Amino acid sequence: MLETIGCSTIEELFSAQIPSEFLQAEPFGLGGGAPEQQVFAELRNLAARNRSVEEEVSFLGGGFYDHYVPAFIEAITARSEYLTPYTPYQPEVSQGTLQAMFEFQSAICELTALEVANASVYDGASAVAAAAYLAKLERGGGPILVSAGLHPHALQTLRTHARPWGNPVVEVGLDPRSGRTDPDRLAAALQQTAEPVAVVLPQPNFYGVIEDLPSLVDLCRKASKALVVAAVDPLTLGVLAPPGECGVDIAVGEGQPLGGELQFGGPSFGFFAARKELLRRMPGRIAGQTVDREGNRGFVLAFQTREQHIRREKATSNICTAQALNAFAGLLYLAWLGPAGLRELGELLLARGWYARRRLLALPGVHPLYDGPTFREFAVRLDGDLAAVRAHCRAHGYNPGLDLPSLTGRPSDRGGLLVAITERRTKAQIDRLAELIGEATANHCQAPLEAVAG
């Protein structure tokens, strides 16, 4: 093979394509093998360095959340027929898998108020990128407008994908007071950019602020032919208008809040729903319901826009898995909650989130980063040293939230703490968090904000 392509060694092949600074020049130095017993002991020592949400009271959020996962979900998904099913290309032996996919799609359509949904994608960030690519196929090579409130990881993923497409990604800023996507900046971006192909809007945004999605969609409709993509938190859809009713073309999101364990950041699944006119452009796979020759209900793999094994040149996606087991857990969670349960959970998260926000903002040296309405999480700015405040809380078994500037790198986020409230956080725990932050800011964390690095 090397001779055929004109290389003498494997090293020559790699060095021709990969810059030298990224090549490992020396062996990794892993050493020889070790007995199994010794390896397991070392792995246990490494694992002991982790802190789980069962070992501290966690107010971390920013995309993944410490929600309660009912025990029956693991009891069902751990069964071998769900844990190890084969990709359902042969419907006659895959009826269970295909039915689970179909029911999942139906649940996502009902949740988002859109007409079609696929059998899931990798995660929320890649779902955003896939939606933008669909818009590129529909609308061409124009810019992609993105709210600055989109999750930073999703924004990074979109930029990475869009670079080889040739579609510039243009960020639309937030209103500095409310924290919502600034409609004036969006209107200016729509007017100043040549034929944007998509506008990507979060609901709520990364800072927990609830967007005025219907107004933003209406603004986009009046100013351009761009497809409107909403990156939505599924747990908001019991209390907020679903994206389909707001007029969006595509709704995507991160599925971890739907019965997903944290698992140190993954794995999870992403969901993808759209108007029926976009069906043949959608990524991944879509299961369909039909009847056999005898009139019995059955399921088939109806659409595979990947189609690498049939019409590769027409493929609009290279997604090779639907994260089907995680999506199945999401389906079980939604079935367990039902519409009334989803609404009740949403109202509970709103109430506890607002209590926590009022409790923290009553403390000296704690200020709102934005004053817009929020869902489940909110951002505050601390006058003191953010790292010292977090260290003080963690020393007492509390993780107070996400260090915003370390993730976003934005000067406007300096001193910012993103606090997430789930149904697992009690009033007593919220009160204790307020006590700890109050102690930290009052006693030993009073470095002026201007002196705090980054």
Protein backbone atom coordinates (compact mmCIF):
# COMPACT_ATOMS: atom_id res chain seq x y z
CA MET A 1 0.00 0.00 0.00
CA LEU A 2 2.79 2.43 0.88
CA GLU A 3 4.57 1.66 -2.40
CA THR A 4 1.38 2.29 -4.36
CA ILE A 5 0.83 5.74 -2.84
CA GLY A 6 4.51 6.68 -3.06
CA CYS A 7 5.66 6.50 0.58
CA SER A 8 8.50 4.44 1.98
CA THR A 9 7.36 4.33 5.63
CA ILE A 10 4.34 4.96 7.82
CA GLU A 11 6.21 7.86 9.43
CA GLU A 12 6.66 9.49 6.02
CA LEU A 13 2.93 9.14 5.34
CA PHE A 14 2.01 10.84 8.61
CA SER A 15 4.64 13.59 8.42
CA ALA A 16 3.41 14.61 4.97
CA GLN A 17 -0.06 15.37 6.35
CA ILE A 18 0.40 16.25 10.04
CA PRO A 19 2.50 19.23 11.22
CA SER A 20 5.62 18.10 13.09
CA GLU A 21 4.64 19.86 16.34
CA PHE A 22 1.65 17.52 16.63
CA LEU A 23 3.61 14.31 16.09
CA GLN A 24 4.78 12.24 19.06
CA ALA A 25 8.52 11.85 18.53
CA GLU A 26 9.30 9.59 21.49
CA PRO A 27 7.56 6.42 22.70
CA PHE A 28 4.80 7.02 25.22
CA GLY A 29 6.75 5.27 27.96
CA LEU A 30 3.92 3.11 29.19
CA GLY A 31 6.29 0.46 30.45
CA GLY A 32 5.66 -3.24 30.53
CA GLY A 33 2.47 -5.04 31.42
CA ALA A 34 1.20 -5.58 34.94
CA PRO A 35 -0.87 -8.25 36.68
CA GLU A 36 -4.63 -7.75 36.47
CA GLN A 37 -4.92 -7.31 40.23
CA GLN A 38 -2.35 -4.49 40.17
CA VAL A 39 -4.04 -2.80 37.21
CA PHE A 40 -7.42 -2.79 38.96
CA ALA A 41 -5.85 -1.35 42.11
CA GLU A 42 -4.31 1.48 40.08
CA LEU A 43 -7.60 2.15 38.31
CA ARG A 44 -9.39 2.33 41.66
CA ASN A 45 -6.82 4.86 42.90
CA LEU A 46 -7.35 6.99 39.80
CA ALA A 47 -11.15 6.77 40.10
CA ALA A 48 -10.96 7.87 43.74
CA ARG A 49 -9.66 11.26 42.57
CA ASN A 50 -13.05 12.02 40.96
CA ARG A 51 -15.89 13.76 42.79
CA SER A 52 -19.39 12.65 41.84
CA VAL A 53 -22.73 14.34 42.49
CA GLU A 54 -23.37 11.71 45.14
CA GLU A 55 -20.36 12.99 47.09
CA GLU A 56 -21.10 16.72 46.98
CA VAL A 57 -24.16 18.90 46.55
CA SER A 58 -23.84 20.08 42.98
CA PHE A 59 -25.23 23.28 41.47
CA LEU A 60 -23.33 22.71 38.23
CA GLY A 61 -25.21 23.11 34.96
CA GLY A 62 -24.31 24.64 31.64
CA GLY A 63 -25.75 21.88 29.47
CA PHE A 64 -25.62 18.75 31.69
CA TYR A 65 -27.68 18.61 34.87
CA ASP A 66 -28.06 16.58 38.04
CA HIS A 67 -31.68 15.58 37.51
CA TYR A 68 -33.35 12.64 39.20
CA VAL A 69 -33.35 9.50 37.04
CA PRO A 70 -35.98 6.96 38.13
CA ALA A 71 -34.63 3.49 38.83
CA PHE A 72 -36.86 1.76 36.29
CA ILE A 73 -34.97 3.38 33.38
CA GLU A 74 -31.75 1.51 34.11
CA ALA A 75 -33.71 -1.64 34.94
CA ILE A 76 -35.20 -1.61 31.41
CA THR A 77 -32.28 -0.29 29.36
CA ALA A 78 -29.89 -2.80 31.00
CA ARG A 79 -31.87 -5.74 29.59
CA SER A 80 -29.89 -7.48 26.86
CA GLU A 81 -32.51 -7.00 24.14
CA TYR A 82 -32.17 -3.22 24.55
CA LEU A 83 -28.50 -3.04 25.48
CA THR A 84 -27.14 -5.00 22.48
CA PRO A 85 -29.56 -4.66 19.53
CA TYR A 86 -28.24 -4.72 15.99
CA THR A 87 -28.63 -1.76 13.63
CA PRO A 88 -32.16 -2.26 12.24
CA TYR A 89 -31.48 -2.69 8.53
CA GLN A 90 -33.48 -5.94 8.53
CA PRO A 91 -36.96 -5.07 9.80
CA GLU A 92 -38.07 -8.68 10.12
CA VAL A 93 -35.60 -9.22 12.99
CA SER A 94 -35.57 -5.66 14.40
CA GLN A 95 -39.20 -4.88 15.21
CA GLY A 96 -38.49 -3.96 18.84
CA THR A 97 -35.68 -1.55 17.97
CA LEU A 98 -37.68 0.00 15.13
CA GLN A 99 -40.75 0.45 17.34
CA ALA A 100 -38.63 2.15 20.02
CA MET A 101 -37.24 4.51 17.36
CA PHE A 102 -40.73 5.24 16.01
CA GLU A 103 -42.14 5.94 19.47
CA PHE A 104 -39.16 8.18 20.26
CA GLN A 105 -39.73 10.17 17.06
CA SER A 106 -43.42 10.51 17.92
CA ALA A 107 -42.58 11.81 21.40
CA ILE A 108 -40.14 14.39 20.03
CA CYS A 109 -42.71 15.57 17.47
CA GLU A 110 -45.29 16.00 20.22
CA LEU A 111 -42.74 17.73 22.45
CA THR A 112 -41.56 20.21 19.81
CA ALA A 113 -44.86 20.65 17.88
CA LEU A 114 -43.07 19.87 14.62
CA GLU A 115 -44.11 17.32 12.02
CA VAL A 116 -41.10 15.03 11.64
CA ALA A 117 -38.22 13.91 13.87
CA ASN A 118 -35.35 11.52 13.33
CA ALA A 119 -34.24 8.66 15.55
CA SER A 120 -31.75 10.98 17.36
CA VAL A 121 -28.19 12.12 16.73
CA TYR A 122 -24.98 12.19 18.76
CA ASP A 123 -25.60 15.14 21.10
CA GLY A 124 -26.99 18.65 21.25
CA ALA A 125 -23.92 20.34 19.77
CA SER A 126 -23.71 18.09 16.71
CA ALA A 127 -27.48 18.49 16.24
CA VAL A 128 -26.95 22.26 15.88
CA ALA A 129 -24.24 21.66 13.27
CA ALA A 130 -26.46 19.19 11.40
CA ALA A 131 -29.31 21.71 11.33
CA ALA A 132 -27.00 24.38 9.92
CA TYR A 133 -25.81 21.96 7.23
CA LEU A 134 -29.41 21.23 6.26
CA ALA A 135 -29.91 25.00 5.93
CA LYS A 136 -26.83 25.22 3.73
CA LEU A 137 -28.23 22.53 1.43
CA GLU A 138 -31.57 24.35 1.26
CA ARG A 139 -30.37 27.95 1.02
CA GLY A 140 -26.78 27.91 -0.31
CA GLY A 141 -23.50 29.45 0.80
CA GLY A 142 -24.59 32.49 2.80
CA PRO A 143 -23.70 33.27 6.42
CA ILE A 144 -25.12 31.51 9.48
CA LEU A 145 -26.33 33.95 12.16
CA VAL A 146 -25.99 32.63 15.70
CA SER A 147 -27.10 34.12 18.99
CA ALA A 148 -24.23 34.71 21.42
CA GLY A 149 -26.46 32.95 23.94
CA LEU A 150 -25.93 29.59 22.24
CA HIS A 151 -23.94 27.12 24.36
CA PRO A 152 -20.20 27.79 23.77
CA HIS A 153 -19.58 24.13 22.90
CA ALA A 154 -22.36 24.15 20.32
CA LEU A 155 -20.99 27.39 18.87
CA GLN A 156 -17.49 25.88 18.64
CA THR A 157 -18.87 22.76 16.99
CA LEU A 158 -20.82 24.83 14.47
CA ARG A 159 -17.75 26.93 13.60
CA THR A 160 -15.67 23.78 13.10
CA HIS A 161 -18.24 22.23 10.78
CA ALA A 162 -19.01 25.41 8.86
CA ARG A 163 -15.41 26.26 8.04
CA PRO A 164 -15.03 23.72 5.19
CA TRP A 165 -18.54 24.49 3.95
CA GLY A 166 -17.53 28.08 3.29
CA ASN A 167 -20.44 29.49 5.30
CA PRO A 168 -19.25 32.25 7.67
CA VAL A 169 -20.66 32.12 11.20
CA VAL A 170 -21.77 35.56 12.45
CA GLU A 171 -22.43 36.00 16.16
CA VAL A 172 -25.35 38.19 17.26
CA GLY A 173 -24.80 39.80 20.65
CA LEU A 174 -27.02 39.76 23.74
CA ASP A 175 -28.79 42.69 25.30
CA PRO A 176 -26.34 43.76 28.05
CA ARG A 177 -29.13 44.22 30.56
CA SER A 178 -31.66 41.43 29.99
CA GLY A 179 -29.24 38.82 28.61
CA ARG A 180 -31.64 38.00 25.78
CA THR A 181 -30.66 37.94 22.12
CA ASP A 182 -30.69 41.61 21.15
CA PRO A 183 -33.44 42.10 18.52
CA ASP A 184 -31.83 45.31 17.23
CA ARG A 185 -28.52 43.53 16.66
CA LEU A 186 -30.32 40.63 15.02
CA ALA A 187 -32.20 43.00 12.72
CA ALA A 188 -28.94 44.74 11.80
CA ALA A 189 -27.21 41.42 11.13
CA LEU A 190 -30.09 40.27 8.92
CA GLN A 191 -29.91 43.53 6.97
CA GLN A 192 -26.13 43.71 6.67
CA THR A 193 -25.38 40.09 5.72
CA ALA A 194 -26.03 38.81 2.22
CA GLU A 195 -28.78 36.17 2.21
CA PRO A 196 -28.16 34.33 5.48
CA VAL A 197 -29.00 30.62 5.25
CA ALA A 198 -29.88 30.08 8.91
CA VAL A 199 -30.50 31.86 12.19
CA VAL A 200 -29.71 29.74 15.27
CA LEU A 201 -31.50 30.77 18.48
CA PRO A 202 -31.33 29.09 21.92
CA GLN A 203 -34.32 28.61 24.25
CA PRO A 204 -33.42 29.29 27.00
CA ASN A 205 -29.91 30.53 26.32
CA PHE A 206 -26.66 29.42 27.92
CA TYR A 207 -27.10 31.89 30.79
CA GLY A 208 -30.51 30.42 31.60
CA VAL A 209 -32.34 33.48 30.23
CA ILE A 210 -35.67 32.76 28.52
CA GLU A 211 -35.73 34.21 25.01
CA ASP A 212 -38.71 35.91 23.36
CA LEU A 213 -38.63 33.25 20.65
CA PRO A 214 -41.86 34.16 18.78
CA SER A 215 -40.73 37.78 18.32
CA LEU A 216 -37.26 36.76 17.15
CA VAL A 217 -38.72 34.27 14.66
CA ASP A 218 -41.13 36.92 13.35
CA LEU A 219 -38.21 39.30 12.90
CA CYS A 220 -36.31 36.69 10.89
CA ARG A 221 -39.33 35.92 8.71
CA LYS A 222 -39.84 39.58 7.79
CA ALA A 223 -36.17 40.21 6.97
CA SER A 224 -34.91 37.07 5.22
CA LYS A 225 -35.58 33.60 3.86
CA ALA A 226 -33.19 31.98 6.32
CA LEU A 227 -34.25 28.80 8.07
CA VAL A 228 -34.77 29.40 11.78
CA VAL A 229 -33.19 26.81 14.07
CA ALA A 230 -34.09 26.67 17.77
CA ALA A 231 -31.75 24.90 20.18
CA VAL A 232 -34.19 24.09 22.97
CA ASP A 233 -34.00 22.63 26.45
CA PRO A 234 -36.59 19.82 26.41
CA LEU A 235 -37.60 20.30 30.05
CA THR A 236 -38.81 23.83 29.32
CA LEU A 237 -41.44 22.52 26.92
CA GLY A 238 -43.94 21.79 29.68
CA VAL A 239 -44.14 25.51 30.54
CA LEU A 240 -42.92 27.39 27.44
CA ALA A 241 -44.45 27.41 23.97
CA PRO A 242 -42.92 24.61 21.85
CA PRO A 243 -40.69 25.74 18.96
CA GLY A 244 -43.13 24.57 16.29
CA GLU A 245 -45.79 26.93 17.66
CA CYS A 246 -43.23 29.74 17.62
CA GLY A 247 -42.73 29.27 13.89
CA VAL A 248 -39.24 27.74 13.78
CA ASP A 249 -38.22 25.43 10.94
CA ILE A 250 -35.93 23.09 12.89
CA ALA A 251 -35.72 22.28 16.60
CA VAL A 252 -32.69 20.55 18.07
CA GLY A 253 -31.46 19.96 21.57
CA GLU A 254 -29.46 18.03 24.12
CA GLY A 255 -31.24 14.96 25.48
CA GLN A 256 -29.28 14.42 28.72
CA PRO A 257 -31.96 16.04 30.93
CA LEU A 258 -34.40 13.36 29.72
CA GLY A 259 -33.40 10.47 31.97
CA GLY A 260 -29.67 10.68 31.29
CA GLU A 261 -27.06 10.18 34.00
CA LEU A 262 -24.18 12.66 34.17
CA GLN A 263 -21.52 9.95 33.61
CA PHE A 264 -18.68 12.52 33.70
CA GLY A 265 -20.10 14.35 30.68
CA GLY A 266 -21.57 11.60 28.52
CA PRO A 267 -22.66 9.75 26.57
CA SER A 268 -26.00 11.31 25.73
CA PHE A 269 -28.12 11.93 22.64
CA GLY A 270 -29.33 14.83 20.57
CA PHE A 271 -32.81 15.24 19.11
CA PHE A 272 -33.71 16.75 15.73
CA ALA A 273 -37.20 17.75 14.56
CA ALA A 274 -38.31 19.80 11.55
CA ARG A 275 -41.12 20.80 9.25
CA LYS A 276 -42.17 17.98 6.92
CA GLU A 277 -40.90 19.85 3.85
CA LEU A 278 -37.36 19.26 5.13
CA LEU A 279 -37.81 15.51 5.65
CA ARG A 280 -35.49 14.31 2.88
CA ARG A 281 -32.71 16.66 3.97
CA MET A 282 -32.70 15.49 7.59
CA PRO A 283 -29.67 13.65 9.00
CA GLY A 284 -29.63 10.18 10.48
CA ARG A 285 -32.47 7.69 10.25
CA ILE A 286 -36.24 7.76 10.46
CA ALA A 287 -38.36 4.74 11.34
CA GLY A 288 -41.82 4.42 9.83
CA GLN A 289 -45.00 2.54 10.71
CA THR A 290 -46.75 0.30 8.18
CA VAL A 291 -48.71 -2.96 7.91
CA ASP A 292 -47.64 -6.32 6.52
CA ARG A 293 -49.51 -8.46 3.96
CA GLU A 294 -51.83 -9.71 6.66
CA GLY A 295 -52.64 -6.24 7.97
CA ASN A 296 -50.52 -6.49 11.11
CA ARG A 297 -48.84 -3.36 12.43
CA GLY A 298 -45.11 -3.25 11.72
CA PHE A 299 -42.12 -0.92 11.54
CA VAL A 300 -39.45 -0.29 8.91
CA LEU A 301 -36.45 1.98 8.41
CA ALA A 302 -38.21 4.47 6.16
CA PHE A 303 -35.54 7.13 5.52
CA GLN A 304 -31.77 6.95 5.68
CA THR A 305 -30.39 10.20 4.36
CA ARG A 306 -26.92 8.89 5.10
CA GLU A 307 -27.44 6.20 2.42
CA GLN A 308 -23.74 5.37 2.21
CA HIS A 309 -24.57 1.83 1.19
CA ILE A 310 -27.01 2.85 -1.57
CA ARG A 311 -26.56 6.38 -2.93
CA ARG A 312 -23.52 7.77 -1.19
CA GLU A 313 -23.30 10.84 -3.43
CA LYS A 314 -26.75 11.95 -2.22
CA ALA A 315 -25.99 11.57 1.47
CA THR A 316 -26.61 14.64 3.63
CA SER A 317 -25.12 13.17 6.78
CA ASN A 318 -22.45 10.71 7.89
CA ILE A 319 -24.14 9.91 11.19
CA CYS A 320 -23.55 6.21 11.74
CA THR A 321 -25.40 5.79 15.01
CA ALA A 322 -28.51 7.24 16.59
CA GLN A 323 -27.32 6.89 20.22
CA ALA A 324 -30.34 4.62 20.29
CA LEU A 325 -29.99 3.31 23.85
CA ASN A 326 -29.74 6.83 25.32
CA ALA A 327 -32.64 7.99 23.15
CA PHE A 328 -34.66 5.01 24.37
CA ALA A 329 -33.96 6.11 27.96
CA GLY A 330 -35.24 9.56 26.96
CA LEU A 331 -38.42 8.00 25.59
CA LEU A 332 -38.95 6.06 28.83
CA TYR A 333 -38.44 9.24 30.85
CA LEU A 334 -40.97 11.19 28.78
CA ALA A 335 -43.48 8.35 29.01
CA TRP A 336 -42.95 8.25 32.79
CA LEU A 337 -43.50 12.01 33.18
CA GLY A 338 -46.31 12.44 30.66
CA PRO A 339 -47.59 15.91 29.71
CA ALA A 340 -48.83 16.74 33.20
CA GLY A 341 -45.60 15.57 34.83
CA LEU A 342 -43.50 17.57 32.38
CA ARG A 343 -45.49 20.70 33.21
CA GLU A 344 -45.25 20.04 36.95
CA LEU A 345 -41.49 19.52 36.75
CA GLY A 346 -41.07 22.72 34.72
CA GLU A 347 -43.06 24.71 37.27
CA LEU A 348 -41.00 23.21 40.10
CA LEU A 349 -37.73 24.17 38.38
CA LEU A 350 -39.01 27.71 37.80
CA ALA A 351 -40.07 28.13 41.43
CA ARG A 352 -36.88 26.75 42.97
CA GLY A 353 -34.70 28.62 40.50
CA TRP A 354 -36.36 31.93 41.33
CA TYR A 355 -36.09 31.24 45.07
CA ALA A 356 -32.37 30.51 44.73
CA ARG A 357 -31.83 33.60 42.60
CA ARG A 358 -33.55 35.87 45.14
CA ARG A 359 -31.65 34.20 47.99
CA LEU A 360 -28.22 34.73 46.41
CA LEU A 361 -28.91 38.26 45.16
CA ALA A 362 -29.80 39.29 48.73
CA LEU A 363 -26.15 38.69 49.70
CA PRO A 364 -23.65 41.58 49.77
CA GLY A 365 -21.26 41.42 46.84
CA VAL A 366 -23.54 39.26 44.65
CA HIS A 367 -25.15 40.90 41.62
CA PRO A 368 -27.22 39.66 38.67
CA LEU A 369 -25.21 39.19 35.51
CA TYR A 370 -28.47 39.70 33.59
CA ASP A 371 -31.97 40.62 34.76
CA GLY A 372 -34.05 38.69 32.19
CA PRO A 373 -36.39 35.86 33.30
CA THR A 374 -34.62 32.54 33.75
CA PHE A 375 -35.36 28.83 33.78
CA ARG A 376 -33.51 26.35 36.03
CA GLU A 377 -30.21 28.25 36.02
CA PHE A 378 -29.08 31.83 36.33
CA ALA A 379 -25.84 33.79 36.29
CA VAL A 380 -24.57 36.06 39.07
CA ARG A 381 -21.47 38.22 39.31
CA LEU A 382 -19.37 38.11 42.48
CA ASP A 383 -17.37 41.08 43.72
CA GLY A 384 -14.76 38.79 45.23
CA ASP A 385 -12.36 36.20 43.91
CA LEU A 386 -14.52 33.65 42.10
CA ALA A 387 -11.98 30.84 42.47
CA ALA A 388 -11.74 31.45 46.22
CA VAL A 389 -15.53 31.42 46.59
CA ARG A 390 -15.77 28.13 44.72
CA ALA A 391 -12.93 26.62 46.76
CA HIS A 392 -14.60 27.63 50.04
CA CYS A 393 -17.90 26.06 49.00
CA ARG A 394 -16.29 22.86 47.77
CA ALA A 395 -14.35 22.51 51.00
CA HIS A 396 -17.76 22.20 52.67
CA GLY A 397 -19.12 19.65 50.17
CA TYR A 398 -20.93 22.09 47.87
CA ASN A 399 -20.14 22.82 44.23
CA PRO A 400 -21.66 26.31 43.81
CA GLY A 401 -21.85 26.30 40.01
CA LEU A 402 -19.96 26.85 36.79
CA ASP A 403 -17.03 29.25 36.47
CA LEU A 404 -18.32 31.25 33.49
CA PRO A 405 -15.14 33.04 32.31
CA SER A 406 -13.19 29.79 32.27
CA LEU A 407 -15.66 28.38 29.74
CA THR A 408 -16.65 31.36 27.62
CA GLY A 409 -13.52 33.53 27.83
CA ARG A 410 -15.73 36.62 27.50
CA PRO A 411 -14.68 39.76 29.40
CA SER A 412 -18.36 40.42 30.13
CA ASP A 413 -18.48 37.16 32.12
CA ARG A 414 -15.71 38.13 34.53
CA GLY A 415 -16.62 37.11 38.06
CA GLY A 416 -19.61 35.20 36.70
CA LEU A 417 -21.02 32.09 38.35
CA LEU A 418 -23.70 30.01 36.59
CA VAL A 419 -25.92 28.31 39.18
CA ALA A 420 -28.24 25.45 38.19
CA ILE A 421 -31.21 24.33 40.28
CA THR A 422 -32.75 20.92 39.62
CA GLU A 423 -35.50 19.07 41.46
CA ARG A 424 -32.75 17.31 43.48
CA ARG A 425 -31.77 20.59 45.14
CA THR A 426 -33.83 21.25 48.26
CA LYS A 427 -34.66 24.55 49.93
CA ALA A 428 -32.29 23.66 52.77
CA GLN A 429 -29.46 23.05 50.31
CA ILE A 430 -30.15 26.35 48.55
CA ASP A 431 -30.09 28.15 51.90
CA ARG A 432 -26.81 26.45 52.81
CA LEU A 433 -25.28 27.48 49.47
CA ALA A 434 -26.25 31.08 50.20
CA GLU A 435 -24.61 30.82 53.64
CA LEU A 436 -21.37 29.47 52.17
CA ILE A 437 -21.17 32.11 49.45
CA GLY A 438 -21.96 34.79 52.04
CA GLU A 439 -19.16 33.52 54.28
CA ALA A 440 -16.71 33.40 51.40
CA THR A 441 -17.43 36.89 50.10
CA ALA A 442 -17.47 38.41 53.60
CA ASN A 443 -14.43 36.74 55.14
CA HIS A 444 -11.64 36.09 52.70
CA CYS A 445 -12.68 36.60 49.09
CA GLN A 446 -12.80 40.37 48.79
CA ALA A 447 -10.25 40.91 46.03
CA PRO A 448 -11.52 43.76 43.83
CA LEU A 449 -13.05 42.59 40.57
CA GLU A 450 -10.50 44.53 38.49
CA ALA A 451 -7.70 42.47 40.06
CA VAL A 452 -9.29 39.09 39.36
CA ALA A 453 -7.56 37.47 36.40
CA GLY A 454 -9.63 36.48 33.36
